[in-house]
C-alpha atoms as a PDB file:
ATOM      1  CA  UNK A   1      88.819  91.524  94.347  1.00  0.00           C
ATOM      2  CA  UNK A   2      89.862  88.292  92.618  1.00  0.00           C
ATOM      3  CA  UNK A   3      90.537  88.141  88.890  1.00  0.00           C
ATOM      4  CA  UNK A   4      87.560  86.517  87.172  1.00  0.00           C
ATOM      5  CA  UNK A   5      87.992  82.802  86.382  1.00  0.00           C
ATOM      6  CA  UNK A   6      91.468  82.760  87.946  1.00  0.00           C
ATOM      7  CA  UNK A   7      90.475  81.373  91.351  1.00  0.00           C
ATOM      8  CA  UNK A   8      88.701  78.390  89.772  1.00  0.00           C
ATOM      9  CA  UNK A   9      91.775  77.764  87.632  1.00  0.00           C
ATOM     10  CA  UNK A  10      94.035  77.794  90.703  1.00  0.00           C
ATOM     11  CA  UNK A  11      91.885  75.127  92.348  1.00  0.00           C
ATOM     12  CA  UNK A  12      91.533  72.972  89.234  1.00  0.00           C
ATOM     13  CA  UNK A  13      95.269  73.031  88.482  1.00  0.00           C
ATOM     14  CA  UNK A  14      96.159  72.512  92.159  1.00  0.00           C
ATOM     15  CA  UNK A  15      98.251  75.659  92.427  1.00  0.00           C
ATOM     16  CA  UNK A  16      97.059  76.339  95.969  1.00  0.00           C
ATOM     17  CA  UNK A  17      99.365  75.041  98.687  1.00  0.00           C
ATOM     18  CA  UNK A  18      97.948  74.603 102.178  1.00  0.00           C
ATOM     19  CA  UNK A  19     100.007  74.589 105.372  1.00  0.00           C
ATOM     20  CA  UNK A  20      99.400  74.921 109.118  1.00  0.00           C
ATOM     21  CA  UNK A  21      99.011  78.523 110.173  1.00  0.00           C
ATOM     22  CA  UNK A  22     101.714  77.941 112.775  1.00  0.00           C
ATOM     23  CA  UNK A  23     104.214  78.292 109.911  1.00  0.00           C
ATOM     24  CA  UNK A  24     103.541  82.037 110.090  1.00  0.00           C
ATOM     25  CA  UNK A  25     104.237  82.282 113.826  1.00  0.00           C
ATOM     26  CA  UNK A  26     106.312  85.262 114.991  1.00  0.00           C
ATOM     27  CA  UNK A  27     105.616  87.214 111.810  1.00  0.00           C
ATOM     28  CA  UNK A  28     103.626  90.242 110.694  1.00  0.00           C
ATOM     29  CA  UNK A  29     100.783  89.422 108.300  1.00  0.00           C
ATOM     30  CA  UNK A  30      99.537  92.178 106.004  1.00  0.00           C
ATOM     31  CA  UNK A  31      95.806  91.754 105.374  1.00  0.00           C
ATOM     32  CA  UNK A  32      93.661  93.356 102.674  1.00  0.00           C
ATOM     33  CA  UNK A  33      90.816  94.490 104.957  1.00  0.00           C
ATOM     34  CA  UNK A  34      88.228  94.659 102.171  1.00  0.00           C
ATOM     35  CA  UNK A  35      89.035  91.132 101.009  1.00  0.00           C
ATOM     36  CA  UNK A  36      88.953  89.846 104.588  1.00  0.00           C
ATOM     37  CA  UNK A  37      85.552  91.410 105.296  1.00  0.00           C
ATOM     38  CA  UNK A  38      84.174  90.031 102.029  1.00  0.00           C
ATOM     39  CA  UNK A  39      85.208  86.532 103.059  1.00  0.00           C
ATOM     40  CA  UNK A  40      83.384  86.951 106.379  1.00  0.00           C
ATOM     41  CA  UNK A  41      80.204  88.312 104.802  1.00  0.00           C
ATOM     42  CA  UNK A  42      80.054  85.746 102.001  1.00  0.00           C
ATOM     43  CA  UNK A  43      80.964  82.580 103.918  1.00  0.00           C
ATOM     44  CA  UNK A  44      79.555  80.786 106.972  1.00  0.00           C
ATOM     45  CA  UNK A  45      79.414  80.970 109.927  1.00  0.00           C
ATOM     46  CA  UNK A  46      79.302  84.785 109.737  1.00  0.00           C
ATOM     47  CA  UNK A  47      77.237  84.936 106.519  1.00  0.00           C
ATOM     48  CA  UNK A  48      73.619  86.028 107.038  1.00  0.00           C
ATOM     49  CA  UNK A  49      71.465  85.344 103.950  1.00  0.00           C
ATOM     50  CA  UNK A  50      68.445  87.289 105.246  1.00  0.00           C
ATOM     51  CA  UNK A  51      70.346  90.502 105.944  1.00  0.00           C
ATOM     52  CA  UNK A  52      68.463  92.316 103.167  1.00  0.00           C
ATOM     53  CA  UNK A  53      65.206  91.494 104.948  1.00  0.00           C
ATOM     54  CA  UNK A  54      66.262  92.174 108.540  1.00  0.00           C
ATOM     55  CA  UNK A  55      68.380  95.238 107.795  1.00  0.00           C
ATOM     56  CA  UNK A  56      71.233  96.537 109.924  1.00  0.00           C
ATOM     57  CA  UNK A  57      74.679  94.985 110.253  1.00  0.00           C
ATOM     58  CA  UNK A  58      75.570  91.274 110.448  1.00  0.00           C
ATOM     59  CA  UNK A  59      75.052  90.233 114.068  1.00  0.00           C
ATOM     60  CA  UNK A  60      77.758  87.560 114.000  1.00  0.00           C
ATOM     61  CA  UNK A  61      80.442  89.798 112.492  1.00  0.00           C
ATOM     62  CA  UNK A  62      81.831  91.206 115.743  1.00  0.00           C
ATOM     63  CA  UNK A  63      82.079  87.783 117.345  1.00  0.00           C
ATOM     64  CA  UNK A  64      83.835  86.363 114.279  1.00  0.00           C
ATOM     65  CA  UNK A  65      86.412  89.162 114.068  1.00  0.00           C
ATOM     66  CA  UNK A  66      87.167  88.880 117.780  1.00  0.00           C
ATOM     67  CA  UNK A  67      87.614  85.129 117.389  1.00  0.00           C
ATOM     68  CA  UNK A  68      89.968  85.554 114.422  1.00  0.00           C
ATOM     69  CA  UNK A  69      92.108  88.090 116.268  1.00  0.00           C
ATOM     70  CA  UNK A  70      92.415  85.769 119.256  1.00  0.00           C
ATOM     71  CA  UNK A  71      93.463  82.901 116.979  1.00  0.00           C
ATOM     72  CA  UNK A  72      96.186  85.047 115.400  1.00  0.00           C
ATOM     73  CA  UNK A  73      97.346  86.269 118.797  1.00  0.00           C
ATOM     74  CA  UNK A  74      97.583  82.708 120.071  1.00  0.00           C
ATOM     75  CA  UNK A  75      99.980  81.864 117.231  1.00  0.00           C
ATOM     76  CA  UNK A  76     101.994  85.079 117.759  1.00  0.00           C
ATOM     77  CA  UNK A  77     100.975  86.473 114.365  1.00  0.00           C
ATOM     78  CA  UNK A  78     100.698  90.259 114.257  1.00  0.00           C
ATOM     79  CA  UNK A  79      97.990  91.362 111.777  1.00  0.00           C
ATOM     80  CA  UNK A  80      98.341  94.644 109.895  1.00  0.00           C
ATOM     81  CA  UNK A  81      95.095  95.581 108.121  1.00  0.00           C
ATOM     82  CA  UNK A  82      95.083  97.890 105.097  1.00  0.00           C
ATOM     83  CA  UNK A  83      91.775  99.418 103.992  1.00  0.00           C
ATOM     84  CA  UNK A  84      91.237 100.681 100.424  1.00  0.00           C
ATOM     85  CA  UNK A  85      91.052 104.424  99.902  1.00  0.00           C
ATOM     86  CA  UNK A  86      89.622 106.321  96.961  1.00  0.00           C
ATOM     87  CA  UNK A  87      88.267 104.309  94.064  1.00  0.00           C
ATOM     88  CA  UNK A  88      89.778 104.870  90.620  1.00  0.00           C
ATOM     89  CA  UNK A  89      87.840 107.510  88.671  1.00  0.00           C
ATOM     90  CA  UNK A  90      84.507 106.141  87.542  1.00  0.00           C
ATOM     91  CA  UNK A  91      83.308 106.881  84.065  1.00  0.00           C
ATOM     92  CA  UNK A  92      79.687 108.040  83.553  1.00  0.00           C
ATOM     93  CA  UNK A  93      78.702 104.662  82.109  1.00  0.00           C
ATOM     94  CA  UNK A  94      79.953 102.927  85.251  1.00  0.00           C
ATOM     95  CA  UNK A  95      77.758 105.213  87.347  1.00  0.00           C
ATOM     96  CA  UNK A  96      74.801 104.325  85.135  1.00  0.00           C
ATOM     97  CA  UNK A  97      75.615 100.643  85.648  1.00  0.00           C
ATOM     98  CA  UNK A  98      75.693 101.141  89.417  1.00  0.00           C
ATOM     99  CA  UNK A  99      72.291 102.838  89.286  1.00  0.00           C
ATOM    100  CA  UNK A 100      70.945  99.998  87.151  1.00  0.00           C
ATOM    101  CA  UNK A 101      72.195  97.389  89.639  1.00  0.00           C
ATOM    102  CA  UNK A 102      70.624  99.310  92.516  1.00  0.00           C
ATOM    103  CA  UNK A 103      67.263  99.388  90.729  1.00  0.00           C
ATOM    104  CA  UNK A 104      67.516  95.663  90.034  1.00  0.00           C
ATOM    105  CA  UNK A 105      68.285  95.013  93.700  1.00  0.00           C
ATOM    106  CA  UNK A 106      65.157  96.906  94.757  1.00  0.00           C
ATOM    107  CA  UNK A 107      63.129  94.922  92.245  1.00  0.00           C
ATOM    108  CA  UNK A 108      64.467  91.602  93.559  1.00  0.00           C
ATOM    109  CA  UNK A 109      63.751  92.566  97.164  1.00  0.00           C
ATOM    110  CA  UNK A 110      60.138  93.408  96.288  1.00  0.00           C
ATOM    111  CA  UNK A 111      59.840  90.057  94.538  1.00  0.00           C
ATOM    112  CA  UNK A 112      61.415  88.300  97.524  1.00  0.00           C
ATOM    113  CA  UNK A 113      58.860  89.759  99.931  1.00  0.00           C
ATOM    114  CA  UNK A 114      56.060  88.760  97.558  1.00  0.00           C
ATOM    115  CA  UNK A 115      57.305  85.165  97.490  1.00  0.00           C
ATOM    116  CA  UNK A 116      57.675  85.151 101.272  1.00  0.00           C
ATOM    117  CA  UNK A 117      54.059  86.251 101.697  1.00  0.00           C
ATOM    118  CA  UNK A 118      53.038  83.451  99.327  1.00  0.00           C
ATOM    119  CA  UNK A 119      54.808  80.909 101.540  1.00  0.00           C
ATOM    120  CA  UNK A 120      57.750  80.322  99.160  1.00  0.00           C
ATOM    121  CA  UNK A 121      60.456  80.692 101.830  1.00  0.00           C
ATOM    122  CA  UNK A 122      63.295  79.019  99.891  1.00  0.00           C
ATOM    123  CA  UNK A 123      62.792  81.174  96.798  1.00  0.00           C
ATOM    124  CA  UNK A 124      62.544  84.298  98.943  1.00  0.00           C
ATOM    125  CA  UNK A 125      65.754  83.429 100.803  1.00  0.00           C
ATOM    126  CA  UNK A 126      67.695  83.055  97.539  1.00  0.00           C
ATOM    127  CA  UNK A 127      66.533  86.467  96.343  1.00  0.00           C
ATOM    128  CA  UNK A 128      67.319  88.129  99.672  1.00  0.00           C
ATOM    129  CA  UNK A 129      70.732  86.478  99.800  1.00  0.00           C
ATOM    130  CA  UNK A 130      71.782  87.897  96.448  1.00  0.00           C
ATOM    131  CA  UNK A 131      70.623  91.431  97.209  1.00  0.00           C
ATOM    132  CA  UNK A 132      71.856  92.356 100.670  1.00  0.00           C
ATOM    133  CA  UNK A 133      72.957  95.817  99.410  1.00  0.00           C
ATOM    134  CA  UNK A 134      75.506  95.906 102.233  1.00  0.00           C
ATOM    135  CA  UNK A 135      78.493  98.127 101.499  1.00  0.00           C
ATOM    136  CA  UNK A 136      81.741  97.470 103.286  1.00  0.00           C
ATOM    137  CA  UNK A 137      82.140 101.036 104.482  1.00  0.00           C
ATOM    138  CA  UNK A 138      78.952 100.473 106.469  1.00  0.00           C
ATOM    139  CA  UNK A 139      80.999  97.999 108.515  1.00  0.00           C
ATOM    140  CA  UNK A 140      84.116 100.092 108.977  1.00  0.00           C
ATOM    141  CA  UNK A 141      82.935 101.901 112.102  1.00  0.00           C
ATOM    142  CA  UNK A 142      82.276  98.719 114.038  1.00  0.00           C
ATOM    143  CA  UNK A 143      85.446  97.061 112.707  1.00  0.00           C
ATOM    144  CA  UNK A 144      87.652 100.025 113.618  1.00  0.00           C
ATOM    145  CA  UNK A 145      86.103 100.076 117.090  1.00  0.00           C
ATOM    146  CA  UNK A 146      87.217  96.464 117.538  1.00  0.00           C
ATOM    147  CA  UNK A 147      90.707  97.257 116.235  1.00  0.00           C
ATOM    148  CA  UNK A 148      91.055 100.219 118.583  1.00  0.00           C
ATOM    149  CA  UNK A 149      89.951  98.138 121.559  1.00  0.00           C
ATOM    150  CA  UNK A 150      92.477  95.376 120.769  1.00  0.00           C
ATOM    151  CA  UNK A 151      95.299  97.693 119.609  1.00  0.00           C
ATOM    152  CA  UNK A 152      95.310  96.224 116.101  1.00  0.00           C
ATOM    153  CA  UNK A 153      97.469  98.045 113.547  1.00  0.00           C
ATOM    154  CA  UNK A 154      95.693  99.364 110.451  1.00  0.00           C
ATOM    155  CA  UNK A 155      95.948 102.104 107.847  1.00  0.00           C
ATOM    156  CA  UNK A 156      93.934 103.407 104.899  1.00  0.00           C
ATOM    157  CA  UNK A 157      95.682 103.336 101.526  1.00  0.00           C
ATOM    158  CA  UNK A 158      95.365 106.291  99.135  1.00  0.00           C
ATOM    159  CA  UNK A 159      93.762 104.030  96.526  1.00  0.00           C
ATOM    160  CA  UNK A 160      94.041 100.224  96.249  1.00  0.00           C
ATOM    161  CA  UNK A 161      95.007  98.255  99.351  1.00  0.00           C
ATOM    162  CA  UNK A 162      97.209  95.633  97.691  1.00  0.00           C
ATOM    163  CA  UNK A 163      99.634  98.287  96.403  1.00  0.00           C
ATOM    164  CA  UNK A 164     100.094  99.576  99.949  1.00  0.00           C
ATOM    165  CA  UNK A 165     100.639  96.024 101.197  1.00  0.00           C
ATOM    166  CA  UNK A 166     103.322  95.438  98.570  1.00  0.00           C
ATOM    167  CA  UNK A 167     105.078  98.613  99.687  1.00  0.00           C
ATOM    168  CA  UNK A 168     104.986  97.536 103.336  1.00  0.00           C
ATOM    169  CA  UNK A 169     106.433  94.147 102.425  1.00  0.00           C
ATOM    170  CA  UNK A 170     109.202  95.556 100.211  1.00  0.00           C
ATOM    171  CA  UNK A 171     110.208  98.280 102.645  1.00  0.00           C
ATOM    172  CA  UNK A 172     113.748  97.773 104.048  1.00  0.00           C
ATOM    173  CA  UNK A 173     112.253  97.588 107.539  1.00  0.00           C
ATOM    174  CA  UNK A 174     109.894  94.799 106.420  1.00  0.00           C
ATOM    175  CA  UNK A 175     106.787  96.221 108.038  1.00  0.00           C
ATOM    176  CA  UNK A 176     105.005  93.007 107.017  1.00  0.00           C
ATOM    177  CA  UNK A 177     106.349  89.578 106.059  1.00  0.00           C
ATOM    178  CA  UNK A 178     103.489  88.224 103.925  1.00  0.00           C
ATOM    179  CA  UNK A 179     100.347  89.418 102.135  1.00  0.00           C
ATOM    180  CA  UNK A 180      96.861  87.976 102.578  1.00  0.00           C
ATOM    181  CA  UNK A 181      94.706  89.289  99.761  1.00  0.00           C
ATOM    182  CA  UNK A 182      92.863  88.620  96.488  1.00  0.00           C
ATOM    183  CA  UNK A 183      94.386  87.081  93.377  1.00  0.00           C
ATOM    184  CA  UNK A 184      94.622  90.433  91.574  1.00  0.00           C
ATOM    185  CA  UNK A 185      97.573  91.195  93.882  1.00  0.00           C
ATOM    186  CA  UNK A 186      99.573  88.825  91.674  1.00  0.00           C
ATOM    187  CA  UNK A 187      99.148  91.184  88.720  1.00  0.00           C
ATOM    188  CA  UNK A 188     101.729  93.601  90.082  1.00  0.00           C
ATOM    189  CA  UNK A 189     105.238  92.905  88.716  1.00  0.00           C
ATOM    190  CA  UNK A 190     107.555  91.128  91.108  1.00  0.00           C
ATOM    191  CA  UNK A 191     104.900  89.780  93.485  1.00  0.00           C
ATOM    192  CA  UNK A 192     105.814  86.124  93.850  1.00  0.00           C
ATOM    193  CA  UNK A 193     103.557  84.675  96.577  1.00  0.00           C
ATOM    194  CA  UNK A 194     100.175  85.688  97.979  1.00  0.00           C
ATOM    195  CA  UNK A 195      98.074  84.092 100.705  1.00  0.00           C
ATOM    196  CA  UNK A 196      94.576  83.745  99.268  1.00  0.00           C
ATOM    197  CA  UNK A 197      92.729  82.141 102.196  1.00  0.00           C
ATOM    198  CA  UNK A 198      93.121  81.649 105.933  1.00  0.00           C
ATOM    199  CA  UNK A 199      91.018  79.221 107.973  1.00  0.00           C
ATOM    200  CA  UNK A 200      90.868  80.498 111.539  1.00  0.00           C
ATOM    201  CA  UNK A 201      87.675  78.662 112.504  1.00  0.00           C
ATOM    202  CA  UNK A 202      88.902  75.062 112.512  1.00  0.00           C
ATOM    203  CA  UNK A 203      90.679  73.590 115.567  1.00  0.00           C
ATOM    204  CA  UNK A 204      93.867  73.413 113.479  1.00  0.00           C
ATOM    205  CA  UNK A 205      94.069  76.725 111.565  1.00  0.00           C
ATOM    206  CA  UNK A 206      95.557  76.627 108.073  1.00  0.00           C
ATOM    207  CA  UNK A 207      96.379  78.992 105.227  1.00  0.00           C
ATOM    208  CA  UNK A 208      96.657  78.585 101.466  1.00  0.00           C
ATOM    209  CA  UNK A 209      98.978  80.494  99.185  1.00  0.00           C
ATOM    210  CA  UNK A 210      99.804  80.583  95.497  1.00  0.00           C
ATOM    211  CA  UNK A 211     103.130  81.081  93.718  1.00  0.00           C
ATOM    212  CA  UNK A 212     103.117  83.190  90.562  1.00  0.00           C
ATOM    213  CA  UNK A 213     106.124  81.369  89.093  1.00  0.00           C
ATOM    214  CA  UNK A 214     104.130  78.128  88.937  1.00  0.00           C
ATOM    215  CA  UNK A 215     101.197  79.858  87.223  1.00  0.00           C
ATOM    216  CA  UNK A 216     103.414  81.467  84.586  1.00  0.00           C
ATOM    217  CA  UNK A 217     105.072  78.129  83.867  1.00  0.00           C
ATOM    218  CA  UNK A 218     101.732  76.333  83.577  1.00  0.00           C
ATOM    219  CA  UNK A 219     100.200  78.961  81.277  1.00  0.00           C
ATOM    220  CA  UNK A 220     103.401  79.423  79.288  1.00  0.00           C
ATOM    221  CA  UNK A 221     103.341  83.225  79.495  1.00  0.00           C
ATOM    222  CA  UNK A 222     105.640  85.963  80.740  1.00  0.00           C
ATOM    223  CA  UNK A 223     104.922  88.107  83.782  1.00  0.00           C
ATOM    224  CA  UNK A 224     104.018  91.044  81.536  1.00  0.00           C
ATOM    225  CA  UNK A 225     101.602  88.873  79.554  1.00  0.00           C
ATOM    226  CA  UNK A 226     100.070  87.622  82.805  1.00  0.00           C
ATOM    227  CA  UNK A 227      99.316  91.229  83.736  1.00  0.00           C
ATOM    228  CA  UNK A 228      97.562  91.697  80.386  1.00  0.00           C
ATOM    229  CA  UNK A 229      95.583  88.477  80.869  1.00  0.00           C
ATOM    230  CA  UNK A 230      94.380  89.607  84.295  1.00  0.00           C
ATOM    231  CA  UNK A 231      93.176  92.954  82.939  1.00  0.00           C
ATOM    232  CA  UNK A 232      91.375  91.351  79.996  1.00  0.00           C
ATOM    233  CA  UNK A 233      89.696  88.741  82.225  1.00  0.00           C
ATOM    234  CA  UNK A 234      88.403  91.528  84.437  1.00  0.00           C
ATOM    235  CA  UNK A 235      88.569  92.291  88.145  1.00  0.00           C
ATOM    236  CA  UNK A 236      87.224  94.899  90.556  1.00  0.00           C
ATOM    237  CA  UNK A 237      88.579  97.895  88.629  1.00  0.00           C
ATOM    238  CA  UNK A 238      88.346  96.530  85.096  1.00  0.00           C
ATOM    239  CA  UNK A 239      85.452  95.018  83.107  1.00  0.00           C
ATOM    240  CA  UNK A 240      86.211  91.878  81.067  1.00  0.00           C
ATOM    241  CA  UNK A 241      87.241  92.190  77.423  1.00  0.00           C
ATOM    242  CA  UNK A 242      83.984  91.679  75.408  1.00  0.00           C
ATOM    243  CA  UNK A 243      85.365  89.332  72.677  1.00  0.00           C
ATOM    244  CA  UNK A 244      86.375  86.730  75.295  1.00  0.00           C
ATOM    245  CA  UNK A 245      83.376  87.138  77.598  1.00  0.00           C
ATOM    246  CA  UNK A 246      82.219  83.525  78.005  1.00  0.00           C
ATOM    247  CA  UNK A 247      82.726  80.444  80.207  1.00  0.00           C
ATOM    248  CA  UNK A 248      86.066  79.555  78.595  1.00  0.00           C
ATOM    249  CA  UNK A 249      87.337  83.108  79.012  1.00  0.00           C
ATOM    250  CA  UNK A 250      90.628  82.133  80.661  1.00  0.00           C
ATOM    251  CA  UNK A 251      91.773  79.790  77.900  1.00  0.00           C
ATOM    252  CA  UNK A 252      90.538  82.135  75.168  1.00  0.00           C
ATOM    253  CA  UNK A 253      92.299  85.113  76.738  1.00  0.00           C
ATOM    254  CA  UNK A 254      95.569  83.240  77.245  1.00  0.00           C
ATOM    255  CA  UNK A 255      95.524  82.012  73.636  1.00  0.00           C
ATOM    256  CA  UNK A 256      94.704  85.501  72.370  1.00  0.00           C
ATOM    257  CA  UNK A 257      97.536  87.163  74.290  1.00  0.00           C
ATOM    258  CA  UNK A 258      99.977  84.485  73.141  1.00  0.00           C
ATOM    259  CA  UNK A 259      98.914  84.965  69.527  1.00  0.00           C
ATOM    260  CA  UNK A 260      99.172  88.762  69.572  1.00  0.00           C
ATOM    261  CA  UNK A 261     102.224  88.702  71.929  1.00  0.00           C
ATOM    262  CA  UNK A 262     100.693  91.346  74.225  1.00  0.00           C
ATOM    263  CA  UNK A 263      97.390  92.603  75.557  1.00  0.00           C
ATOM    264  CA  UNK A 264      97.807  95.959  73.868  1.00  0.00           C
ATOM    265  CA  UNK A 265      98.229  94.334  70.451  1.00  0.00           C
ATOM    266  CA  UNK A 266      95.165  92.142  71.064  1.00  0.00           C
ATOM    267  CA  UNK A 267      92.987  95.081  72.106  1.00  0.00           C
ATOM    268  CA  UNK A 268      94.201  97.172  69.167  1.00  0.00           C
ATOM    269  CA  UNK A 269      93.479  94.369  66.688  1.00  0.00           C
ATOM    270  CA  UNK A 270      89.884  94.026  67.914  1.00  0.00           C
ATOM    271  CA  UNK A 271      89.233  97.708  68.624  1.00  0.00           C
ATOM    272  CA  UNK A 272      86.788  98.058  65.713  1.00  0.00           C
ATOM    273  CA  UNK A 273      84.310  95.535  67.101  1.00  0.00           C
ATOM    274  CA  UNK A 274      81.085  97.351  68.083  1.00  0.00           C
ATOM    275  CA  UNK A 275      81.036  96.240  71.721  1.00  0.00           C
ATOM    276  CA  UNK A 276      84.727  97.116  72.154  1.00  0.00           C
ATOM    277  CA  UNK A 277      84.297 100.519  70.532  1.00  0.00           C
ATOM    278  CA  UNK A 278      81.172 101.264  72.554  1.00  0.00           C
ATOM    279  CA  UNK A 279      83.061 100.689  75.818  1.00  0.00           C
ATOM    280  CA  UNK A 280      86.094 102.642  74.607  1.00  0.00           C
ATOM    281  CA  UNK A 281      87.998  99.624  75.842  1.00  0.00           C
ATOM    282  CA  UNK A 282      91.467 100.510  74.430  1.00  0.00           C
ATOM    283  CA  UNK A 283      91.517 103.678  76.536  1.00  0.00           C
ATOM    284  CA  UNK A 284      90.186 101.837  79.568  1.00  0.00           C
ATOM    285  CA  UNK A 285      92.806  99.104  79.134  1.00  0.00           C
ATOM    286  CA  UNK A 286      95.633 101.658  79.041  1.00  0.00           C
ATOM    287  CA  UNK A 287      94.327 103.429  82.154  1.00  0.00           C
ATOM    288  CA  UNK A 288      93.968 100.162  84.073  1.00  0.00           C
ATOM    289  CA  UNK A 289      97.468  99.012  83.167  1.00  0.00           C
ATOM    290  CA  UNK A 290      98.934 102.305  84.325  1.00  0.00           C
ATOM    291  CA  UNK A 291      96.883 102.124  87.524  1.00  0.00           C
ATOM    292  CA  UNK A 292      98.407  98.739  88.346  1.00  0.00           C
ATOM    293  CA  UNK A 293     102.023  99.419  87.400  1.00  0.00           C
ATOM    294  CA  UNK A 294     102.149 102.899  88.956  1.00  0.00           C
ATOM    295  CA  UNK A 295      99.774 102.542  91.900  1.00  0.00           C
ATOM    296  CA  UNK A 296      99.955 105.371  94.416  1.00  0.00           C
ATOM    297  CA  UNK A 297     100.898 104.476  97.985  1.00  0.00           C
ATOM    298  CA  UNK A 298     101.479 106.271 101.276  1.00  0.00           C
ATOM    299  CA  UNK A 299     105.214 106.198 101.970  1.00  0.00           C
ATOM    300  CA  UNK A 300     106.836 106.004 105.402  1.00  0.00           C
ATOM    301  CA  UNK A 301     107.743 109.703 104.994  1.00  0.00           C
ATOM    302  CA  UNK A 302     104.046 110.581 104.753  1.00  0.00           C
ATOM    303  CA  UNK A 303     103.963 111.415 101.041  1.00  0.00           C
ATOM    304  CA  UNK A 304     101.799 109.837  98.348  1.00  0.00           C
ATOM    305  CA  UNK A 305     103.990 108.498  95.557  1.00  0.00           C
ATOM    306  CA  UNK A 306     103.937 105.825  92.821  1.00  0.00           C
ATOM    307  CA  UNK A 307     104.900 102.406  94.159  1.00  0.00           C
ATOM    308  CA  UNK A 308     107.838 101.799  91.739  1.00  0.00           C
ATOM    309  CA  UNK A 309     109.360 105.170  92.656  1.00  0.00           C
ATOM    310  CA  UNK A 310     108.923 104.577  96.397  1.00  0.00           C
ATOM    311  CA  UNK A 311     110.576 101.156  96.343  1.00  0.00           C
ATOM    312  CA  UNK A 312     113.440 102.370  94.112  1.00  0.00           C
ATOM    313  CA  UNK A 313     114.198 105.278  96.433  1.00  0.00           C
ATOM    314  CA  UNK A 314     114.199 102.999  99.434  1.00  0.00           C
ATOM    315  CA  UNK A 315     116.608 100.531  97.849  1.00  0.00           C
ATOM    316  CA  UNK A 316     119.002 103.339  96.938  1.00  0.00           C
ATOM    317  CA  UNK A 317     118.914 104.815 100.428  1.00  0.00           C
ATOM    318  CA  UNK A 318     119.455 101.403 102.022  1.00  0.00           C
ATOM    319  CA  UNK A 319     122.431 100.674  99.766  1.00  0.00           C
ATOM    320  CA  UNK A 320     123.943 104.090 100.498  1.00  0.00           C
ATOM    321  CA  UNK A 321     123.498 103.684 104.255  1.00  0.00           C
ATOM    322  CA  UNK A 322     124.985 100.195 104.228  1.00  0.00           C
ATOM    323  CA  UNK A 323     128.020 101.285 102.228  1.00  0.00           C
ATOM    324  CA  UNK A 324     128.638 104.257 104.528  1.00  0.00           C
ATOM    325  CA  UNK A 325     128.288 102.252 107.721  1.00  0.00           C
ATOM    326  CA  UNK A 326     130.114  99.217 106.410  1.00  0.00           C
ATOM    327  CA  UNK A 327     127.529  96.926 107.977  1.00  0.00           C
ATOM    328  CA  UNK A 328     123.818  96.336 107.521  1.00  0.00           C
ATOM    329  CA  UNK A 329     121.763  97.177 110.613  1.00  0.00           C
ATOM    330  CA  UNK A 330     119.013  94.725 111.546  1.00  0.00           C
ATOM    331  CA  UNK A 331     115.901  96.389 113.017  1.00  0.00           C
ATOM    332  CA  UNK A 332     115.342  95.307 116.618  1.00  0.00           C
ATOM    333  CA  UNK A 333     111.794  94.118 116.029  1.00  0.00           C
ATOM    334  CA  UNK A 334     113.037  91.567 113.484  1.00  0.00           C
ATOM    335  CA  UNK A 335     114.926  89.679 116.170  1.00  0.00           C
ATOM    336  CA  UNK A 336     113.342  86.788 117.996  1.00  0.00           C
ATOM    337  CA  UNK A 337     113.750  86.028 121.685  1.00  0.00           C
ATOM    338  CA  UNK A 338     116.892  84.035 120.982  1.00  0.00           C
ATOM    339  CA  UNK A 339     118.560  86.964 119.239  1.00  0.00           C
ATOM    340  CA  UNK A 340     118.250  85.326 115.835  1.00  0.00           C
ATOM    341  CA  UNK A 341     117.107  87.309 112.829  1.00  0.00           C
ATOM    342  CA  UNK A 342     113.817  86.201 111.304  1.00  0.00           C
ATOM    343  CA  UNK A 343     114.130  85.193 107.653  1.00  0.00           C
ATOM    344  CA  UNK A 344     112.453  87.445 105.086  1.00  0.00           C
ATOM    345  CA  UNK A 345     110.626  84.564 103.438  1.00  0.00           C
ATOM    346  CA  UNK A 346     108.254  82.849 105.830  1.00  0.00           C
ATOM    347  CA  UNK A 347     106.722  80.563 103.214  1.00  0.00           C
ATOM    348  CA  UNK A 348     107.673  76.888 102.943  1.00  0.00           C
ATOM    349  CA  UNK A 349     110.081  76.243 100.094  1.00  0.00           C
ATOM    350  CA  UNK A 350     108.385  75.077  96.883  1.00  0.00           C
END
């Protein structure tokens, strides 16, 4: 999921560039399935605020997915969905937090029904809306049924979906040409551009993407420091760093990393603070950084391997094959009807 505070920063600093979706015509779009489903559940017209009260699955979800697939097909965009696999190992305290949140959700639903019976419909709706308790894997069966019916390509990653998408994009055969996913995809070294939103509902579909180079220049940090900043701000697999947990967290975190030169030095310097020590944050920080830089993916050979190792092997094999053959073979699917080779970069120049 998105890095905390980063999405608001991208909007405020106008880092998002919007273009007609037709720019992506005749390409293969890799989509983080979890991120895509979250956008459908959380935003109209497929969002259902009273789902916690009615129960079951969102009634409008099937119609919306079918509509999106037709819109992509009309523009000759081939979607490739990647679902997340196993979650990183949860610590006991995280399990306790999950149990606490579940108890709070039950409490809010009881309060919502009480307000509804008292005639306070607006207050009840707000409470129901925030506590739907709908897990994405509850939706997978119906989503996969749609994909099977429409012959949509998909796969389940060993762990995080964005690592698998990066592998598919960097593969010599270019299984996908662009990535549509959350902002935490930018944390991985070498990822330059990510599509963060796609509007398939409007008569003229559009998409918005962000360029990491522009963010690094604006913040005045290196790519390695940007990775540290993302971890300290917090995202789906990492809680925020307690000393900078406030509304100005982005600026405070950037300044802190600049001052200490790295995230590791910053965490080490503040490791004796009670809230940092209680969370065992230095250990958690090291684990999260390793998880990002050495994410496990499913290779085209069918083995699970760290992403850096998989991409390095592929580059070596491609170079060896090209030198032996004397020419570089272009896969047939990368040729358009006119026999021309599609460019690797499908984004407008910036």
